[in-house]
Every structure is written in structure tokens, then in C-alpha cells.
Amino acid sequence: QVQLVESVGGLVQPGGSLRLSCAASGSTFSFYAMGWYRQAPGKQRELVAGISSGGGTNYVDSVKGRFTISRDNAKNMLYLQVNSLKPEDTAVYYCNTYYPKAWGQGTQVTVSS
């Protein structure tokens, strides 16, 4: 099993960038496919980026070319680099396994002038 803790998000201006990180506890992290999810106010939670145990990635169309998911298995870390941020990226962001069983608190990312 894996326990996950997201880094603190923040307030970013449109066009800005941010790197979110997620620290995982557990010796089996490297075997899990992982994902970053987000939930905007009034909307359902969505998967925005996924990464396989081998490093293959996928993204929702709205973030392709702007977001990059990566992992460092040696450090049990998951990252999401978010570039060219838009106001519509404002949401609570969550890291989780690709097949989530439970959810943590997430971290707020706000994109606003």
C-alpha cells in the first residue's frame, strides 16, 4: 500500500508555472501506475495526467503540451510540472494511484491576476 502527501500549491498568475510534488510512503511505490487529478468548483474530479510504472504517460487533452507528469522511483516522488497556466486550471489537485481507493485532502492551485 502507498500513502501520499501533496506539496502545497499556491496562487499563480496566468501564464505562470508551478511544480507540484507528491511524496509517497511505502516500499512498493515503483510498482504502481500513478496519476494527478483535479477538481474545480462545481465540477467532477478528473484525471489530468497518468504515468505507468515504466514511465509511460497520458494527459487529458486540455493540458497536453502544458503539463508534464514525472516520477522518481528512487525517491518515491511524483511530480506535476504545470506551465502556461490558465484561469480554468484553478482546482484542487490530488496525487493518487491510477486506480484510486481513497482520497486525501489535495492542494489548491489558483490561477488569477
Protein backbone atom coordinates (compact mmCIF):
# COMPACT_ATOMS: atom_id res chain seq x y z
CA GLN A 1 0.00 0.00 0.00
CA VAL A 2 1.03 3.60 -0.65
CA GLN A 3 0.45 6.71 1.43
CA LEU A 4 0.61 10.04 -0.38
CA VAL A 5 1.21 13.64 0.68
CA GLU A 6 0.97 16.53 -1.79
CA SER A 7 3.11 19.62 -1.58
CA VAL A 8 1.47 23.00 -1.04
CA GLY A 9 0.06 24.60 -4.18
CA GLY A 10 -0.38 28.32 -4.47
CA LEU A 11 -1.56 31.38 -6.29
CA VAL A 12 -0.09 31.81 -9.77
CA GLN A 13 -0.66 34.44 -12.44
CA PRO A 14 -1.98 33.39 -15.85
CA GLY A 15 0.91 32.17 -17.98
CA GLY A 16 2.89 31.20 -14.93
CA SER A 17 4.32 27.85 -13.91
CA LEU A 18 4.37 25.65 -10.87
CA ARG A 19 5.73 22.27 -9.89
CA LEU A 20 3.59 20.12 -7.67
CA SER A 21 5.15 17.22 -5.86
CA CYS A 22 3.82 14.21 -4.05
CA ALA A 23 5.75 12.19 -1.50
CA ALA A 24 4.87 8.53 -1.29
CA SER A 25 5.49 6.21 1.61
CA GLY A 26 5.85 2.51 1.06
CA SER A 27 8.31 0.16 -0.50
CA THR A 28 6.04 -0.73 -3.43
CA PHE A 29 5.67 2.76 -4.95
CA SER A 30 7.66 1.86 -8.04
CA PHE A 31 5.16 -0.84 -8.98
CA TYR A 32 2.14 1.49 -9.11
CA ALA A 33 0.80 3.42 -12.02
CA MET A 34 0.15 6.93 -10.69
CA GLY A 35 -1.88 9.94 -11.60
CA TRP A 36 -2.61 13.58 -10.90
CA TYR A 37 -6.25 14.52 -10.60
CA ARG A 38 -8.03 17.81 -10.14
CA GLN A 39 -11.43 19.06 -9.16
CA ALA A 40 -12.63 22.55 -9.99
CA PRO A 41 -15.54 24.14 -8.13
CA GLY A 42 -18.84 22.69 -9.26
CA LYS A 43 -17.19 20.07 -11.45
CA GLN A 44 -16.34 16.40 -11.14
CA ARG A 45 -12.86 15.25 -10.30
CA GLU A 46 -10.90 14.37 -13.43
CA LEU A 47 -7.66 12.61 -14.23
CA VAL A 48 -5.33 15.14 -15.83
CA ALA A 49 -2.16 13.08 -16.16
CA GLY A 50 -1.14 9.48 -15.64
CA ILE A 51 2.18 7.70 -15.57
CA SER A 52 2.86 3.99 -15.67
CA SER A 53 5.35 2.16 -13.52
CA GLY A 54 7.65 2.16 -16.55
CA GLY A 55 7.29 5.89 -17.21
CA GLY A 56 4.73 5.98 -19.99
CA THR A 57 2.41 8.98 -19.74
CA ASN A 58 -1.00 10.18 -20.80
CA TYR A 59 -2.82 13.50 -20.44
CA VAL A 60 -6.26 14.92 -20.76
CA ASP A 61 -6.50 16.99 -23.94
CA SER A 62 -6.93 20.28 -22.11
CA VAL A 63 -3.44 20.09 -20.57
CA LYS A 64 -1.43 18.44 -23.34
CA GLY A 65 1.68 20.42 -24.13
CA ARG A 66 1.44 22.38 -20.90
CA PHE A 67 1.59 19.81 -18.10
CA THR A 68 4.24 17.16 -17.55
CA ILE A 69 3.94 14.26 -15.14
CA SER A 70 7.08 12.52 -13.94
CA ARG A 71 8.26 10.23 -11.20
CA ASP A 72 11.43 9.47 -9.33
CA ASN A 73 11.09 5.94 -8.07
CA ALA A 74 14.37 6.09 -6.16
CA LYS A 75 12.94 8.96 -4.10
CA ASN A 76 9.33 7.76 -4.03
CA MET A 77 8.24 11.05 -5.57
CA LEU A 78 5.63 12.02 -8.13
CA TYR A 79 5.68 15.41 -9.85
CA LEU A 80 3.44 17.55 -11.99
CA GLN A 81 5.04 20.45 -13.83
CA VAL A 82 2.33 22.88 -14.86
CA ASN A 83 3.20 25.57 -17.40
CA SER A 84 1.30 28.26 -19.26
CA LEU A 85 -1.37 28.19 -16.60
CA LYS A 86 -4.85 29.41 -17.37
CA PRO A 87 -7.62 30.51 -15.01
CA GLU A 88 -9.53 27.37 -15.92
CA ASP A 89 -6.71 25.31 -14.39
CA THR A 90 -7.82 26.55 -10.99
CA ALA A 91 -8.70 23.48 -8.94
CA VAL A 92 -7.75 21.29 -6.05
CA TYR A 93 -5.06 18.92 -7.29
CA TYR A 94 -4.58 15.40 -5.98
CA CYS A 95 -1.97 12.76 -6.46
CA ASN A 96 -3.10 9.18 -6.28
CA THR A 97 -2.66 5.76 -7.73
CA TYR A 98 -4.07 5.29 -11.21
CA TYR A 99 -6.79 3.13 -9.67
CA PRO A 100 -7.71 5.14 -6.56
CA LYS A 101 -9.16 3.52 -3.49
CA ALA A 102 -9.31 6.63 -1.31
CA TRP A 103 -8.63 10.37 -1.50
CA GLY A 104 -6.57 12.78 0.53
CA GLN A 105 -7.07 16.50 1.03
CA GLY A 106 -5.30 17.64 -2.13
CA THR A 107 -3.71 21.02 -2.70
CA GLN A 108 -5.23 24.22 -4.04
CA VAL A 109 -3.87 25.78 -7.21
CA THR A 110 -5.37 29.14 -8.09
CA VAL A 111 -4.59 30.89 -11.37
CA SER A 112 -5.58 34.53 -11.25
CA SER A 113 -4.24 38.01 -11.92
